[in-house]
């Protein structure tokens, strides 16, 4: 069930990326279109979290670079176009959402590695075995182009279908 939640979250990320077309200006053909539009990660995350109201999910946006760097060492030094981090009121709980649009595919891979390190460290935390089990069973890191998403939700909580379809 937990893996389905994570897969659903990834599916939403992918769909949101697929839904974004290219913007044409001054009558150009499809082949001449300007660069693809970006997905507004903050709006997408907030919409998904709003639809989870009434569940055990309580996440707040985190913008403090020191806090982000302490949880995701190296993340604030990677070139990103967008970075949104949502954390629980008590850090360490098996519930987080981090979304990034990297500046390049190489940066996306670097971000994926940083997020995977966070998942692995939390999943192997022997000080908090209940939280470790949540990370081990419910965390998922996905990459779609230059977009990277890491999501972990409590048992039995699923991301909305629209979010899964987008990512």
Protein backbone atom coordinates (compact mmCIF):
# COMPACT_ATOMS: atom_id res chain seq x y z
CA UNK A 1 0.00 0.00 0.00
CA UNK A 2 2.82 2.37 0.92
CA UNK A 3 4.63 1.78 -2.33
CA UNK A 4 1.41 2.46 -4.24
CA UNK A 5 1.17 5.82 -2.52
CA UNK A 6 4.69 6.68 -3.60
CA UNK A 7 4.05 5.40 -7.12
CA UNK A 8 0.89 7.46 -7.26
CA UNK A 9 2.87 10.52 -6.21
CA UNK A 10 5.42 9.86 -8.93
CA UNK A 11 2.66 9.40 -11.48
CA UNK A 12 1.25 12.80 -10.60
CA UNK A 13 4.64 14.36 -11.11
CA UNK A 14 4.94 12.76 -14.52
CA UNK A 15 1.47 13.85 -15.59
CA UNK A 16 2.06 17.43 -14.58
CA UNK A 17 5.18 17.44 -16.66
CA UNK A 18 3.40 15.81 -19.59
CA UNK A 19 0.57 18.33 -19.36
CA UNK A 20 2.95 21.18 -19.97
CA UNK A 21 3.29 21.84 -23.64
CA UNK A 22 5.47 24.26 -25.46
CA UNK A 23 4.58 27.87 -25.87
CA UNK A 24 4.36 29.18 -29.43
CA UNK A 25 4.80 32.80 -30.26
CA UNK A 26 4.16 34.76 -33.43
CA UNK A 27 2.66 31.86 -35.41
CA UNK A 28 5.63 29.50 -35.37
CA UNK A 29 5.22 25.80 -36.08
CA UNK A 30 5.60 23.13 -33.35
CA UNK A 31 9.22 22.49 -34.31
CA UNK A 32 10.02 26.17 -33.78
CA UNK A 33 8.41 26.46 -30.35
CA UNK A 34 10.30 28.14 -27.56
CA UNK A 35 11.47 26.20 -24.53
CA UNK A 36 8.92 24.10 -22.61
CA UNK A 37 6.91 25.74 -19.86
CA UNK A 38 7.82 24.99 -16.26
CA UNK A 39 5.51 23.41 -13.72
CA UNK A 40 4.91 25.68 -10.74
CA UNK A 41 6.14 23.28 -8.06
CA UNK A 42 4.95 25.35 -5.11
CA UNK A 43 1.40 25.61 -6.44
CA UNK A 44 1.38 21.92 -7.38
CA UNK A 45 2.60 20.84 -3.93
CA UNK A 46 0.16 23.11 -2.10
CA UNK A 47 -2.76 21.81 -4.16
CA UNK A 48 -1.78 18.21 -3.45
CA UNK A 49 -1.32 18.87 0.28
CA UNK A 50 -4.63 20.73 0.47
CA UNK A 51 -6.39 17.65 -0.89
CA UNK A 52 -4.81 15.60 1.93
CA UNK A 53 -6.53 17.63 4.65
CA UNK A 54 -8.22 15.33 7.13
CA UNK A 55 -5.41 12.77 6.92
CA UNK A 56 -2.39 12.37 9.21
CA UNK A 57 -0.31 14.56 6.88
CA UNK A 58 0.83 17.86 8.40
CA UNK A 59 3.56 19.56 6.40
CA UNK A 60 4.78 23.13 6.41
CA UNK A 61 6.85 24.92 3.78
CA UNK A 62 10.51 25.26 4.72
CA UNK A 63 12.57 28.05 3.19
CA UNK A 64 15.42 28.32 5.68
CA UNK A 65 18.57 27.35 3.77
CA UNK A 66 20.34 26.15 6.93
CA UNK A 67 17.50 23.78 7.79
CA UNK A 68 17.33 22.45 4.24
CA UNK A 69 21.10 22.01 4.11
CA UNK A 70 21.10 20.14 7.43
CA UNK A 71 18.62 17.59 6.09
CA UNK A 72 19.83 17.50 2.49
CA UNK A 73 23.58 18.24 2.54
CA UNK A 74 24.64 19.89 -0.71
CA UNK A 75 21.11 20.59 -1.98
CA UNK A 76 21.32 24.36 -1.58
CA UNK A 77 24.50 24.48 -3.66
CA UNK A 78 23.01 22.73 -6.72
CA UNK A 79 21.66 24.95 -9.50
CA UNK A 80 17.86 24.85 -9.38
CA UNK A 81 15.14 26.82 -11.09
CA UNK A 82 12.68 25.89 -8.33
CA UNK A 83 13.00 24.17 -4.97
CA UNK A 84 10.14 23.51 -2.57
CA UNK A 85 10.53 21.68 0.71
CA UNK A 86 7.67 20.68 3.00
CA UNK A 87 8.52 19.26 6.42
CA UNK A 88 6.47 17.97 9.36
CA UNK A 89 6.27 20.01 12.57
CA UNK A 90 8.64 17.48 14.17
CA UNK A 91 11.60 16.79 11.89
CA UNK A 92 12.36 13.09 11.56
CA UNK A 93 8.80 11.91 11.11
CA UNK A 94 8.32 9.74 8.07
CA UNK A 95 6.54 12.49 6.17
CA UNK A 96 8.24 14.95 3.80
CA UNK A 97 7.78 16.37 0.33
CA UNK A 98 10.66 17.89 -1.63
CA UNK A 99 10.37 18.97 -5.26
CA UNK A 100 13.06 20.55 -7.43
CA UNK A 101 13.45 21.70 -11.00
CA UNK A 102 17.15 21.44 -11.78
CA UNK A 103 18.97 23.71 -14.18
CA UNK A 104 20.34 20.71 -16.12
CA UNK A 105 20.06 16.91 -16.31
CA UNK A 106 23.40 16.61 -14.47
CA UNK A 107 22.05 18.80 -11.67
CA UNK A 108 18.87 16.70 -11.58
CA UNK A 109 20.97 13.57 -11.05
CA UNK A 110 22.93 15.30 -8.29
CA UNK A 111 19.67 16.32 -6.57
CA UNK A 112 18.33 12.76 -6.92
CA UNK A 113 21.46 11.41 -5.22
CA UNK A 114 21.12 13.90 -2.35
CA UNK A 115 17.46 13.01 -1.84
CA UNK A 116 18.21 9.29 -1.99
CA UNK A 117 20.89 9.76 0.68
CA UNK A 118 18.23 11.37 2.90
CA UNK A 119 15.90 8.42 2.36
CA UNK A 120 18.63 5.86 3.01
CA UNK A 121 19.84 7.61 6.18
CA UNK A 122 16.31 7.94 7.60
CA UNK A 123 15.44 4.34 6.66
CA UNK A 124 18.48 3.08 8.56
CA UNK A 125 18.04 5.28 11.66
CA UNK A 126 18.15 2.84 14.58
CA UNK A 127 17.29 5.54 17.13
CA UNK A 128 13.74 5.82 15.77
CA UNK A 129 12.73 2.41 14.39
CA UNK A 130 9.08 3.37 13.75
CA UNK A 131 10.10 6.35 11.65
CA UNK A 132 12.80 4.27 9.92
CA UNK A 133 10.17 1.73 8.85
CA UNK A 134 8.03 4.53 7.40
CA UNK A 135 10.97 5.85 5.39
CA UNK A 136 11.93 2.37 4.23
CA UNK A 137 8.41 1.45 3.12
CA UNK A 138 6.92 4.75 1.97
CA UNK A 139 9.69 6.94 0.55
CA UNK A 140 10.20 7.36 -3.16
CA UNK A 141 12.55 9.53 -5.20
CA UNK A 142 11.67 10.06 -8.85
CA UNK A 143 13.22 11.95 -11.74
CA UNK A 144 11.38 13.17 -14.83
CA UNK A 145 13.58 15.28 -17.06
CA UNK A 146 14.96 18.06 -14.87
CA UNK A 147 12.30 17.53 -12.18
CA UNK A 148 13.12 15.55 -9.04
CA UNK A 149 10.56 14.65 -6.38
CA UNK A 150 11.06 12.95 -3.04
CA UNK A 151 7.92 12.03 -1.15
CA UNK A 152 7.26 10.03 1.97
CA UNK A 153 3.81 9.86 3.53
CA UNK A 154 2.40 7.98 6.52
CA UNK A 155 0.95 4.50 6.14
CA UNK A 156 -2.41 4.50 4.40
CA UNK A 157 -2.15 8.05 3.00
CA UNK A 158 -2.10 8.40 -0.76
CA UNK A 159 -1.31 11.44 -2.82
CA UNK A 160 -4.19 12.63 -5.00
CA UNK A 161 -4.51 11.00 -8.41
CA UNK A 162 -3.92 14.30 -10.21
CA UNK A 163 -0.58 14.78 -8.47
CA UNK A 164 0.48 11.22 -9.20
CA UNK A 165 -0.44 11.66 -12.82
CA UNK A 166 1.65 14.83 -13.06
CA UNK A 167 4.77 13.51 -11.37
